[in-house]
Amino acid sequence: MSVERPEMAWADEVVAFLAENLPRDPEREGWNDMAMTAYQIACEAMIALGQAEARKWGAAPLADPVQPEVLPRWDDICIAVLGLAAQHRLLSYRDPSGGIPTQTIGMGGFVLMRGEGQSPIPEPNIGASAGLGPARATDDVLSVLTALGLVADGYWTSRSEVVLWREQPRTWRMEVTRDPRFQSAAEQAVETLPQEIGEEIAKLVAISGQDIDRSLAQHEKAIEELRLRHGPKARLGRSQTPGTIRKRLAFQRCGELDWVFFRRWRMTDVWLDALQARQALQIFHDPLAKQMRSAVLPKLYPELTDFH
């Protein structure tokens, strides 16, 4: 799935939108990410766009901001904008069937609710197209989405499809993994797997007897400390076995494997080289990357069912 990159003219409008909608820190100059995904990614975008420097609590504006000569990845910036817009309920994804939304959702965008006596819900101003459903955006959001090349003439553009695959709004009930392009991308990811990424994956899926023994010993030590603190009759849960420890370690490693894909894989480029990875944002909670990890691991390690 190849995507033509829009011109860099979007940068100024993106910066203005992020700066206006990120929450200001009440005590310090800058934007507080409040440990929330949409704000964390938006702060990272401001840093990558040369407007701020990182802080433990978010991002602080630079006295003399300068856009980098090489801008961060366009698709990652799009995710930052979409996430922030949805977080503030400036963008809502509508049911493709035209039904009235009835519940609120999180990172995939919010759903409007309608109560008795309330004004009618405004009609979508972004039409369904390119395999995507309709949406409603405020004027400011519509402007920045247009600048990014995600919307044109009131409809999603073809280049927006791969971006929205990374959002997968629940109201659209997308089935990305059934798309032949996704399946082809999974095959390509296996066939073109770089050596260093393959080695990183191999280390993560290798759960040794020592790993299990170490984790089991840590568990037993923690149980003993709880017994000393709460008494021998305290309910401390089920005892762990090497089998349950292995499954728990595999579950933890799956999270680390997700991060390999967050950092080094994109649908449009497959595996990112070192330079491309430096231009990428750390987009976590990326459903498409997780789905690709789930598709690739069984092909690489069909015998390791704990990682499927």
C-alpha atoms as a PDB file:
ATOM      1  CA  MET A   1       0.000   0.000   0.000  1.00  0.00           C
ATOM      2  CA  SER A   2       1.975   3.006  -1.219  1.00  0.00           C
ATOM      3  CA  VAL A   3       1.070   6.486  -0.062  1.00  0.00           C
ATOM      4  CA  GLU A   4       2.152   9.755  -1.617  1.00  0.00           C
ATOM      5  CA  ARG A   5       3.447  12.136   1.050  1.00  0.00           C
ATOM      6  CA  PRO A   6       1.726  15.529   1.148  1.00  0.00           C
ATOM      7  CA  GLU A   7       3.800  18.684   0.888  1.00  0.00           C
ATOM      8  CA  MET A   8       5.422  20.028   4.039  1.00  0.00           C
ATOM      9  CA  ALA A   9       3.044  23.008   4.119  1.00  0.00           C
ATOM     10  CA  TRP A  10       1.063  21.277   6.860  1.00  0.00           C
ATOM     11  CA  ALA A  11       3.694  21.822   9.560  1.00  0.00           C
ATOM     12  CA  ASP A  12       2.694  25.341  10.657  1.00  0.00           C
ATOM     13  CA  GLU A  13      -0.988  24.481  10.887  1.00  0.00           C
ATOM     14  CA  VAL A  14      -0.254  21.287  12.815  1.00  0.00           C
ATOM     15  CA  VAL A  15       1.931  23.157  15.308  1.00  0.00           C
ATOM     16  CA  ALA A  16      -0.781  25.769  15.865  1.00  0.00           C
ATOM     17  CA  PHE A  17      -3.427  23.085  16.404  1.00  0.00           C
ATOM     18  CA  LEU A  18      -1.317  21.065  18.838  1.00  0.00           C
ATOM     19  CA  ALA A  19      -0.227  24.131  20.809  1.00  0.00           C
ATOM     20  CA  GLU A  20      -3.812  25.343  21.132  1.00  0.00           C
ATOM     21  CA  ASN A  21      -5.306  22.017  22.208  1.00  0.00           C
ATOM     22  CA  LEU A  22      -2.662  20.455  24.427  1.00  0.00           C
ATOM     23  CA  PRO A  23      -3.427  21.099  28.117  1.00  0.00           C
ATOM     24  CA  ARG A  24      -1.263  23.818  29.640  1.00  0.00           C
ATOM     25  CA  ASP A  25       0.611  22.966  32.806  1.00  0.00           C
ATOM     26  CA  PRO A  26      -0.885  25.023  35.655  1.00  0.00           C
ATOM     27  CA  GLU A  27       2.452  25.632  37.392  1.00  0.00           C
ATOM     28  CA  ARG A  28       5.086  25.598  34.649  1.00  0.00           C
ATOM     29  CA  GLU A  29       5.380  26.986  31.169  1.00  0.00           C
ATOM     30  CA  GLY A  30       4.542  24.204  28.790  1.00  0.00           C
ATOM     31  CA  TRP A  31       2.106  21.423  28.024  1.00  0.00           C
ATOM     32  CA  ASN A  32       1.288  18.683  30.522  1.00  0.00           C
ATOM     33  CA  ASP A  33       0.679  15.244  29.010  1.00  0.00           C
ATOM     34  CA  MET A  34      -1.299  14.160  32.111  1.00  0.00           C
ATOM     35  CA  ALA A  35      -0.036  10.607  31.443  1.00  0.00           C
ATOM     36  CA  MET A  36      -2.696  10.281  28.732  1.00  0.00           C
ATOM     37  CA  THR A  37      -1.865   8.689  25.402  1.00  0.00           C
ATOM     38  CA  ALA A  38      -3.247  11.412  23.128  1.00  0.00           C
ATOM     39  CA  TYR A  39      -1.417  14.142  25.046  1.00  0.00           C
ATOM     40  CA  GLN A  40       1.818  12.155  25.285  1.00  0.00           C
ATOM     41  CA  ILE A  41       1.919  11.596  21.528  1.00  0.00           C
ATOM     42  CA  ALA A  42       0.981  15.224  20.819  1.00  0.00           C
ATOM     43  CA  CYS A  43       3.785  16.441  23.110  1.00  0.00           C
ATOM     44  CA  GLU A  44       6.211  14.165  21.297  1.00  0.00           C
ATOM     45  CA  ALA A  45       5.012  15.639  18.003  1.00  0.00           C
ATOM     46  CA  MET A  46       5.700  19.176  19.257  1.00  0.00           C
ATOM     47  CA  ILE A  47       9.210  18.114  20.237  1.00  0.00           C
ATOM     48  CA  ALA A  48       9.823  16.387  16.898  1.00  0.00           C
ATOM     49  CA  LEU A  49       8.593  19.497  15.064  1.00  0.00           C
ATOM     50  CA  GLY A  50      11.238  21.610  16.796  1.00  0.00           C
ATOM     51  CA  GLN A  51       8.785  23.542  18.959  1.00  0.00           C
ATOM     52  CA  ALA A  52       9.495  22.147  22.410  1.00  0.00           C
ATOM     53  CA  GLU A  53      11.844  20.128  24.542  1.00  0.00           C
ATOM     54  CA  ALA A  54      10.926  17.081  26.576  1.00  0.00           C
ATOM     55  CA  ARG A  55      10.025  17.231  30.235  1.00  0.00           C
ATOM     56  CA  LYS A  56       9.056  14.406  32.576  1.00  0.00           C
ATOM     57  CA  TRP A  57       5.598  15.943  32.752  1.00  0.00           C
ATOM     58  CA  GLY A  58       5.218  16.764  29.043  1.00  0.00           C
ATOM     59  CA  ALA A  59       6.909  19.404  26.894  1.00  0.00           C
ATOM     60  CA  ALA A  60       8.197  22.948  27.387  1.00  0.00           C
ATOM     61  CA  PRO A  61       8.203  25.449  24.500  1.00  0.00           C
ATOM     62  CA  LEU A  62      11.563  26.488  23.086  1.00  0.00           C
ATOM     63  CA  ALA A  63      12.468  30.162  23.238  1.00  0.00           C
ATOM     64  CA  ASP A  64      13.530  30.039  19.584  1.00  0.00           C
ATOM     65  CA  PRO A  65      11.623  27.203  17.900  1.00  0.00           C
ATOM     66  CA  VAL A  66      12.944  26.053  14.539  1.00  0.00           C
ATOM     67  CA  GLN A  67      11.351  23.405  12.382  1.00  0.00           C
ATOM     68  CA  PRO A  68      13.793  20.601  11.597  1.00  0.00           C
ATOM     69  CA  GLU A  69      15.141  20.353   8.081  1.00  0.00           C
ATOM     70  CA  VAL A  70      13.682  16.854   7.904  1.00  0.00           C
ATOM     71  CA  LEU A  71      10.195  16.743   9.367  1.00  0.00           C
ATOM     72  CA  PRO A  72       8.924  13.759  11.356  1.00  0.00           C
ATOM     73  CA  ARG A  73       6.888  11.148   9.536  1.00  0.00           C
ATOM     74  CA  TRP A  74       3.712  12.555   8.045  1.00  0.00           C
ATOM     75  CA  ASP A  75       1.596   9.535   8.983  1.00  0.00           C
ATOM     76  CA  ASP A  76       2.752   9.669  12.608  1.00  0.00           C
ATOM     77  CA  ILE A  77       1.940  13.379  12.791  1.00  0.00           C
ATOM     78  CA  CYS A  78      -1.517  12.561  11.426  1.00  0.00           C
ATOM     79  CA  ILE A  79      -2.023  10.094  14.280  1.00  0.00           C
ATOM     80  CA  ALA A  80      -1.013  12.765  16.802  1.00  0.00           C
ATOM     81  CA  VAL A  81      -3.557  15.208  15.357  1.00  0.00           C
ATOM     82  CA  LEU A  82      -6.383  12.665  15.110  1.00  0.00           C
ATOM     83  CA  GLY A  83      -5.787  11.439  18.646  1.00  0.00           C
ATOM     84  CA  LEU A  84      -5.765  14.930  20.136  1.00  0.00           C
ATOM     85  CA  ALA A  85      -8.863  15.950  18.178  1.00  0.00           C
ATOM     86  CA  ALA A  86     -10.761  12.867  19.349  1.00  0.00           C
ATOM     87  CA  GLN A  87      -9.586  13.355  22.936  1.00  0.00           C
ATOM     88  CA  HIS A  88     -11.150  16.820  22.972  1.00  0.00           C
ATOM     89  CA  ARG A  89     -14.276  15.621  21.154  1.00  0.00           C
ATOM     90  CA  LEU A  90     -13.508  17.861  18.228  1.00  0.00           C
ATOM     91  CA  LEU A  91     -13.724  14.859  15.908  1.00  0.00           C
ATOM     92  CA  SER A  92     -16.318  12.097  16.026  1.00  0.00           C
ATOM     93  CA  TYR A  93     -16.460   8.991  13.873  1.00  0.00           C
ATOM     94  CA  ARG A  94     -19.992   8.189  12.765  1.00  0.00           C
ATOM     95  CA  ASP A  95     -21.773   4.924  12.131  1.00  0.00           C
ATOM     96  CA  PRO A  96     -21.555   4.156   8.382  1.00  0.00           C
ATOM     97  CA  SER A  97     -25.158   2.926   8.461  1.00  0.00           C
ATOM     98  CA  GLY A  98     -26.348   6.374   9.477  1.00  0.00           C
ATOM     99  CA  GLY A  99     -27.602   5.204  12.862  1.00  0.00           C
ATOM    100  CA  ILE A 100     -27.480   7.434  15.930  1.00  0.00           C
ATOM    101  CA  PRO A 101     -24.416   6.726  18.102  1.00  0.00           C
ATOM    102  CA  THR A 102     -25.264   5.612  21.612  1.00  0.00           C
ATOM    103  CA  GLN A 103     -22.016   5.325  23.551  1.00  0.00           C
ATOM    104  CA  THR A 104     -18.730   7.035  24.226  1.00  0.00           C
ATOM    105  CA  ILE A 105     -15.416   5.415  23.318  1.00  0.00           C
ATOM    106  CA  GLY A 106     -11.783   6.248  23.894  1.00  0.00           C
ATOM    107  CA  MET A 107      -8.724   6.384  21.666  1.00  0.00           C
ATOM    108  CA  GLY A 108     -10.609   5.376  18.533  1.00  0.00           C
ATOM    109  CA  GLY A 109     -12.569   8.619  18.682  1.00  0.00           C
ATOM    110  CA  PHE A 110     -15.666   9.499  20.676  1.00  0.00           C
ATOM    111  CA  VAL A 111     -19.273   8.727  19.845  1.00  0.00           C
ATOM    112  CA  LEU A 112     -21.936  11.370  20.354  1.00  0.00           C
ATOM    113  CA  MET A 113     -24.904  10.607  22.588  1.00  0.00           C
ATOM    114  CA  ARG A 114     -28.355  12.057  22.148  1.00  0.00           C
ATOM    115  CA  GLY A 115     -30.789  12.552  25.003  1.00  0.00           C
ATOM    116  CA  GLU A 116     -34.415  13.576  25.021  1.00  0.00           C
ATOM    117  CA  GLY A 117     -34.976  17.234  24.273  1.00  0.00           C
ATOM    118  CA  GLN A 118     -31.487  17.784  22.920  1.00  0.00           C
ATOM    119  CA  SER A 119     -30.799  19.412  19.589  1.00  0.00           C
ATOM    120  CA  PRO A 120     -30.343  17.098  16.617  1.00  0.00           C
ATOM    121  CA  ILE A 121     -26.843  15.753  16.166  1.00  0.00           C
ATOM    122  CA  PRO A 122     -25.053  17.641  13.376  1.00  0.00           C
ATOM    123  CA  GLU A 123     -24.644  15.737  10.154  1.00  0.00           C
ATOM    124  CA  PRO A 124     -21.192  14.416   9.199  1.00  0.00           C
ATOM    125  CA  ASN A 125     -19.065  16.903   7.295  1.00  0.00           C
ATOM    126  CA  ILE A 126     -16.524  14.275   6.216  1.00  0.00           C
ATOM    127  CA  GLY A 127     -18.129  11.797   3.873  1.00  0.00           C
ATOM    128  CA  ALA A 128     -17.465   8.071   3.726  1.00  0.00           C
ATOM    129  CA  SER A 129     -14.884   7.223   1.070  1.00  0.00           C
ATOM    130  CA  ALA A 130     -11.682   5.250   0.480  1.00  0.00           C
ATOM    131  CA  GLY A 131     -13.042   2.400   2.584  1.00  0.00           C
ATOM    132  CA  LEU A 132     -13.592   4.712   5.552  1.00  0.00           C
ATOM    133  CA  GLY A 133     -16.749   5.774   7.342  1.00  0.00           C
ATOM    134  CA  PRO A 134     -18.190   9.266   7.842  1.00  0.00           C
ATOM    135  CA  ALA A 135     -17.090  11.698  10.533  1.00  0.00           C
ATOM    136  CA  ARG A 136     -17.875  15.083  12.001  1.00  0.00           C
ATOM    137  CA  ALA A 137     -15.093  17.592  12.694  1.00  0.00           C
ATOM    138  CA  THR A 138     -14.996  21.140  13.977  1.00  0.00           C
ATOM    139  CA  ASP A 139     -13.840  23.812  11.555  1.00  0.00           C
ATOM    140  CA  ASP A 140     -10.360  23.935  13.115  1.00  0.00           C
ATOM    141  CA  VAL A 141      -9.935  20.178  12.883  1.00  0.00           C
ATOM    142  CA  LEU A 142     -11.280  20.092   9.345  1.00  0.00           C
ATOM    143  CA  SER A 143      -8.746  22.750   8.385  1.00  0.00           C
ATOM    144  CA  VAL A 144      -5.754  20.855   9.767  1.00  0.00           C
ATOM    145  CA  LEU A 145      -6.967  17.539   8.312  1.00  0.00           C
ATOM    146  CA  THR A 146      -7.238  19.250   4.932  1.00  0.00           C
ATOM    147  CA  ALA A 147      -3.746  20.708   5.290  1.00  0.00           C
ATOM    148  CA  LEU A 148      -2.442  17.222   6.080  1.00  0.00           C
ATOM    149  CA  GLY A 149      -4.093  15.817   2.979  1.00  0.00           C
ATOM    150  CA  LEU A 150      -6.442  13.536   4.908  1.00  0.00           C
ATOM    151  CA  VAL A 151      -9.592  15.310   3.725  1.00  0.00           C
ATOM    152  CA  ALA A 152     -10.433  16.973   0.408  1.00  0.00           C
ATOM    153  CA  ASP A 153     -13.751  18.335  -0.848  1.00  0.00           C
ATOM    154  CA  GLY A 154     -15.536  16.997   2.214  1.00  0.00           C
ATOM    155  CA  TYR A 155     -14.345  13.386   1.902  1.00  0.00           C
ATOM    156  CA  TRP A 156     -11.529  11.241   3.205  1.00  0.00           C
ATOM    157  CA  THR A 157      -8.730  11.022   0.646  1.00  0.00           C
ATOM    158  CA  SER A 158      -7.148   7.804  -0.573  1.00  0.00           C
ATOM    159  CA  ARG A 159      -3.984   8.561   1.398  1.00  0.00           C
ATOM    160  CA  SER A 160      -6.000   8.771   4.613  1.00  0.00           C
ATOM    161  CA  GLU A 161      -6.948   5.095   4.522  1.00  0.00           C
ATOM    162  CA  VAL A 162      -3.616   3.765   5.767  1.00  0.00           C
ATOM    163  CA  VAL A 163      -3.635   6.383   8.542  1.00  0.00           C
ATOM    164  CA  LEU A 164      -7.137   5.494   9.743  1.00  0.00           C
ATOM    165  CA  TRP A 165      -6.158   1.829   9.730  1.00  0.00           C
ATOM    166  CA  ARG A 166      -4.005   2.820  12.694  1.00  0.00           C
ATOM    167  CA  GLU A 167      -7.004   4.364  14.473  1.00  0.00           C
ATOM    168  CA  GLN A 168      -9.737   1.846  13.602  1.00  0.00           C
ATOM    169  CA  PRO A 169     -12.696   3.719  15.123  1.00  0.00           C
ATOM    170  CA  ARG A 170     -15.045   1.260  16.772  1.00  0.00           C
ATOM    171  CA  THR A 171     -18.109   2.733  15.108  1.00  0.00           C
ATOM    172  CA  TRP A 172     -16.720   1.795  11.704  1.00  0.00           C
ATOM    173  CA  ARG A 173     -16.321  -1.875  12.681  1.00  0.00           C
ATOM    174  CA  MET A 174     -13.230  -2.208  10.512  1.00  0.00           C
ATOM    175  CA  GLU A 175     -11.857  -5.662   9.708  1.00  0.00           C
ATOM    176  CA  VAL A 176      -8.393  -4.675   8.602  1.00  0.00           C
ATOM    177  CA  THR A 177      -6.806  -8.096   9.058  1.00  0.00           C
ATOM    178  CA  ARG A 178      -9.146  -9.590   6.447  1.00  0.00           C
ATOM    179  CA  ASP A 179      -8.017  -7.118   3.812  1.00  0.00           C
ATOM    180  CA  PRO A 180      -5.759  -8.777   1.195  1.00  0.00           C
ATOM    181  CA  ARG A 181      -3.395  -5.806   1.470  1.00  0.00           C
ATOM    182  CA  PHE A 182      -2.873  -6.515   5.161  1.00  0.00           C
ATOM    183  CA  GLN A 183      -2.216 -10.173   4.473  1.00  0.00           C
ATOM    184  CA  SER A 184       0.217  -9.265   1.709  1.00  0.00           C
ATOM    185  CA  ALA A 185       1.972  -6.834   4.046  1.00  0.00           C
ATOM    186  CA  ALA A 186       2.383  -9.604   6.642  1.00  0.00           C
ATOM    187  CA  GLU A 187       4.044 -11.830   4.049  1.00  0.00           C
ATOM    188  CA  GLN A 188       6.289  -8.962   3.005  1.00  0.00           C
ATOM    189  CA  ALA A 189       7.248  -8.272   6.621  1.00  0.00           C
ATOM    190  CA  VAL A 190       8.411 -11.872   6.991  1.00  0.00           C
ATOM    191  CA  GLU A 191      10.251 -11.950   3.673  1.00  0.00           C
ATOM    192  CA  THR A 192      12.093  -8.661   4.222  1.00  0.00           C
ATOM    193  CA  LEU A 193      12.785  -8.932   7.961  1.00  0.00           C
ATOM    194  CA  PRO A 194      16.115  -7.163   8.637  1.00  0.00           C
ATOM    195  CA  GLN A 195      18.716  -9.185  10.497  1.00  0.00           C
ATOM    196  CA  GLU A 196      18.959  -6.883  13.518  1.00  0.00           C
ATOM    197  CA  ILE A 197      15.188  -6.800  13.993  1.00  0.00           C
ATOM    198  CA  GLY A 198      15.000 -10.553  13.533  1.00  0.00           C
ATOM    199  CA  GLU A 199      17.631 -10.994  16.225  1.00  0.00           C
ATOM    200  CA  GLU A 200      15.723  -8.700  18.583  1.00  0.00           C
ATOM    201  CA  ILE A 201      12.543 -10.702  18.027  1.00  0.00           C
ATOM    202  CA  ALA A 202      14.414 -13.991  18.490  1.00  0.00           C
ATOM    203  CA  LYS A 203      15.706 -12.873  21.898  1.00  0.00           C
ATOM    204  CA  LEU A 204      12.240 -11.898  23.034  1.00  0.00           C
ATOM    205  CA  VAL A 205      10.585 -15.193  22.082  1.00  0.00           C
ATOM    206  CA  ALA A 206      13.340 -17.266  23.699  1.00  0.00           C
ATOM    207  CA  ILE A 207      12.128 -18.073  27.225  1.00  0.00           C
ATOM    208  CA  SER A 208      14.808 -20.169  28.887  1.00  0.00           C
ATOM    209  CA  GLY A 209      14.624 -22.432  31.891  1.00  0.00           C
ATOM    210  CA  GLN A 210      16.705 -19.853  33.742  1.00  0.00           C
ATOM    211  CA  ASP A 211      14.114 -17.176  32.930  1.00  0.00           C
ATOM    212  CA  ILE A 212      11.384 -19.376  34.394  1.00  0.00           C
ATOM    213  CA  ASP A 213      13.418 -20.321  37.480  1.00  0.00           C
ATOM    214  CA  ARG A 214      14.304 -16.682  38.142  1.00  0.00           C
ATOM    215  CA  SER A 215      10.701 -15.537  37.809  1.00  0.00           C
ATOM    216  CA  LEU A 216       9.442 -18.413  39.958  1.00  0.00           C
ATOM    217  CA  ALA A 217      11.978 -17.570  42.669  1.00  0.00           C
ATOM    218  CA  GLN A 218      10.893 -13.914  42.601  1.00  0.00           C
ATOM    219  CA  HIS A 219       7.263 -14.982  42.912  1.00  0.00           C
ATOM    220  CA  GLU A 220       7.972 -17.294  45.855  1.00  0.00           C
ATOM    221  CA  LYS A 221       9.983 -14.576  47.588  1.00  0.00           C
ATOM    222  CA  ALA A 222       7.113 -12.115  47.178  1.00  0.00           C
ATOM    223  CA  ILE A 223       4.631 -14.677  48.545  1.00  0.00           C
ATOM    224  CA  GLU A 224       6.832 -15.310  51.573  1.00  0.00           C
ATOM    225  CA  GLU A 225       7.087 -11.584  52.286  1.00  0.00           C
ATOM    226  CA  LEU A 226       3.296 -11.287  52.111  1.00  0.00           C
ATOM    227  CA  ARG A 227       2.881 -14.222  54.522  1.00  0.00           C
ATOM    228  CA  LEU A 228       5.210 -12.569  57.005  1.00  0.00           C
ATOM    229  CA  ARG A 229       3.279  -9.320  56.693  1.00  0.00           C
ATOM    230  CA  HIS A 230      -0.291 -10.665  56.732  1.00  0.00           C
ATOM    231  CA  GLY A 231      -0.001 -14.018  58.491  1.00  0.00           C
ATOM    232  CA  PRO A 232      -0.035 -17.645  57.338  1.00  0.00           C
ATOM    233  CA  LYS A 233      -3.805 -17.678  56.747  1.00  0.00           C
ATOM    234  CA  ALA A 234      -3.785 -14.773  54.299  1.00  0.00           C
ATOM    235  CA  ARG A 235      -5.259 -15.485  50.877  1.00  0.00           C
ATOM    236  CA  LEU A 236      -2.408 -14.924  48.479  1.00  0.00           C
ATOM    237  CA  GLY A 237      -3.815 -16.318  45.260  1.00  0.00           C
ATOM    238  CA  ARG A 238      -2.923 -19.432  43.350  1.00  0.00           C
ATOM    239  CA  SER A 239       0.574 -20.834  43.474  1.00  0.00           C
ATOM    240  CA  GLN A 240       2.570 -20.547  40.280  1.00  0.00           C
ATOM    241  CA  THR A 241       3.982 -23.433  38.266  1.00  0.00           C
ATOM    242  CA  PRO A 242       6.669 -23.398  35.578  1.00  0.00           C
ATOM    243  CA  GLY A 243       3.859 -23.630  33.020  1.00  0.00           C
ATOM    244  CA  THR A 244       1.947 -20.626  34.328  1.00  0.00           C
ATOM    245  CA  ILE A 245       5.187 -18.682  34.691  1.00  0.00           C
ATOM    246  CA  ARG A 246       6.037 -19.383  31.048  1.00  0.00           C
ATOM    247  CA  LYS A 247       2.650 -18.105  29.912  1.00  0.00           C
ATOM    248  CA  ARG A 248       3.017 -14.967  32.014  1.00  0.00           C
ATOM    249  CA  LEU A 249       6.486 -14.299  30.634  1.00  0.00           C
ATOM    250  CA  ALA A 250       5.210 -14.846  27.092  1.00  0.00           C
ATOM    251  CA  PHE A 251       2.420 -12.340  27.719  1.00  0.00           C
ATOM    252  CA  GLN A 252       4.947  -9.776  28.953  1.00  0.00           C
ATOM    253  CA  ARG A 253       7.222 -10.432  25.988  1.00  0.00           C
ATOM    254  CA  CYS A 254       4.300  -9.893  23.597  1.00  0.00           C
ATOM    255  CA  GLY A 255       4.110  -6.352  24.937  1.00  0.00           C
ATOM    256  CA  GLU A 256       7.814  -5.898  24.198  1.00  0.00           C
ATOM    257  CA  LEU A 257       7.310  -7.370  20.729  1.00  0.00           C
ATOM    258  CA  ASP A 258       4.552  -4.830  20.130  1.00  0.00           C
ATOM    259  CA  TRP A 259       7.136  -2.124  20.787  1.00  0.00           C
ATOM    260  CA  VAL A 260       9.416  -3.578  18.109  1.00  0.00           C
ATOM    261  CA  PHE A 261       6.601  -3.001  15.637  1.00  0.00           C
ATOM    262  CA  PHE A 262       5.683   0.413  17.086  1.00  0.00           C
ATOM    263  CA  ARG A 263       9.275   1.563  16.550  1.00  0.00           C
ATOM    264  CA  ARG A 264      10.348  -0.184  13.381  1.00  0.00           C
ATOM    265  CA  TRP A 265       7.326  -1.117  11.233  1.00  0.00           C
ATOM    266  CA  ARG A 266       4.928   0.942   9.139  1.00  0.00           C
ATOM    267  CA  MET A 267       2.414  -0.250   6.560  1.00  0.00           C
ATOM    268  CA  THR A 268       3.742   2.037   3.837  1.00  0.00           C
ATOM    269  CA  ASP A 269       7.435   1.232   4.302  1.00  0.00           C
ATOM    270  CA  VAL A 270       7.351  -2.199   5.958  1.00  0.00           C
ATOM    271  CA  TRP A 271      10.535  -2.157   8.087  1.00  0.00           C
ATOM    272  CA  LEU A 272      12.075   1.209   8.899  1.00  0.00           C
ATOM    273  CA  ASP A 273      15.819   1.588   8.662  1.00  0.00           C
ATOM    274  CA  ALA A 274      17.703   3.409  11.418  1.00  0.00           C
ATOM    275  CA  LEU A 275      17.243   6.849   9.827  1.00  0.00           C
ATOM    276  CA  GLN A 276      13.531   6.316   9.185  1.00  0.00           C
ATOM    277  CA  ALA A 277      13.070   5.084  12.751  1.00  0.00           C
ATOM    278  CA  ARG A 278      14.594   8.306  14.094  1.00  0.00           C
ATOM    279  CA  GLN A 279      12.031  10.297  12.107  1.00  0.00           C
ATOM    280  CA  ALA A 280       9.156   8.256  13.542  1.00  0.00           C
ATOM    281  CA  LEU A 281       7.128   9.083  16.631  1.00  0.00           C
ATOM    282  CA  GLN A 282       6.735   6.501  19.369  1.00  0.00           C
ATOM    283  CA  ILE A 283       3.113   5.723  18.552  1.00  0.00           C
ATOM    284  CA  PHE A 284       2.014   3.203  21.143  1.00  0.00           C
ATOM    285  CA  HIS A 285      -1.493   1.760  21.342  1.00  0.00           C
ATOM    286  CA  ASP A 286      -1.268   1.368  17.552  1.00  0.00           C
ATOM    287  CA  PRO A 287      -3.816  -1.358  16.732  1.00  0.00           C
ATOM    288  CA  LEU A 288      -2.442  -1.926  13.240  1.00  0.00           C
ATOM    289  CA  ALA A 289       1.082  -2.562  14.540  1.00  0.00           C
ATOM    290  CA  LYS A 290      -0.288  -4.988  17.134  1.00  0.00           C
ATOM    291  CA  GLN A 291      -2.296  -6.803  14.483  1.00  0.00           C
ATOM    292  CA  MET A 292       0.771  -7.068  12.287  1.00  0.00           C
ATOM    293  CA  ARG A 293       2.807  -8.477  15.169  1.00  0.00           C
ATOM    294  CA  SER A 294       0.068 -11.055  15.730  1.00  0.00           C
ATOM    295  CA  ALA A 295       0.157 -11.953  12.027  1.00  0.00           C
ATOM    296  CA  VAL A 296       3.943 -12.097  11.659  1.00  0.00           C
ATOM    297  CA  LEU A 297       4.943 -14.062  14.772  1.00  0.00           C
ATOM    298  CA  PRO A 298       3.051 -17.261  13.827  1.00  0.00           C
ATOM    299  CA  LYS A 299       4.765 -17.186  10.445  1.00  0.00           C
ATOM    300  CA  LEU A 300       8.199 -16.790  12.014  1.00  0.00           C
ATOM    301  CA  TYR A 301       7.646 -19.178  14.930  1.00  0.00           C
ATOM    302  CA  PRO A 302       4.684 -21.486  14.202  1.00  0.00           C
ATOM    303  CA  GLU A 303       5.664 -23.756  17.094  1.00  0.00           C
ATOM    304  CA  LEU A 304       5.590 -20.983  19.731  1.00  0.00           C
ATOM    305  CA  THR A 305       1.836 -20.785  20.222  1.00  0.00           C
ATOM    306  CA  ASP A 306       2.148 -18.576  23.324  1.00  0.00           C
ATOM    307  CA  PHE A 307       3.220 -15.770  20.975  1.00  0.00           C
ATOM    308  CA  HIS A 308       0.391 -16.196  18.458  1.00  0.00           C
END
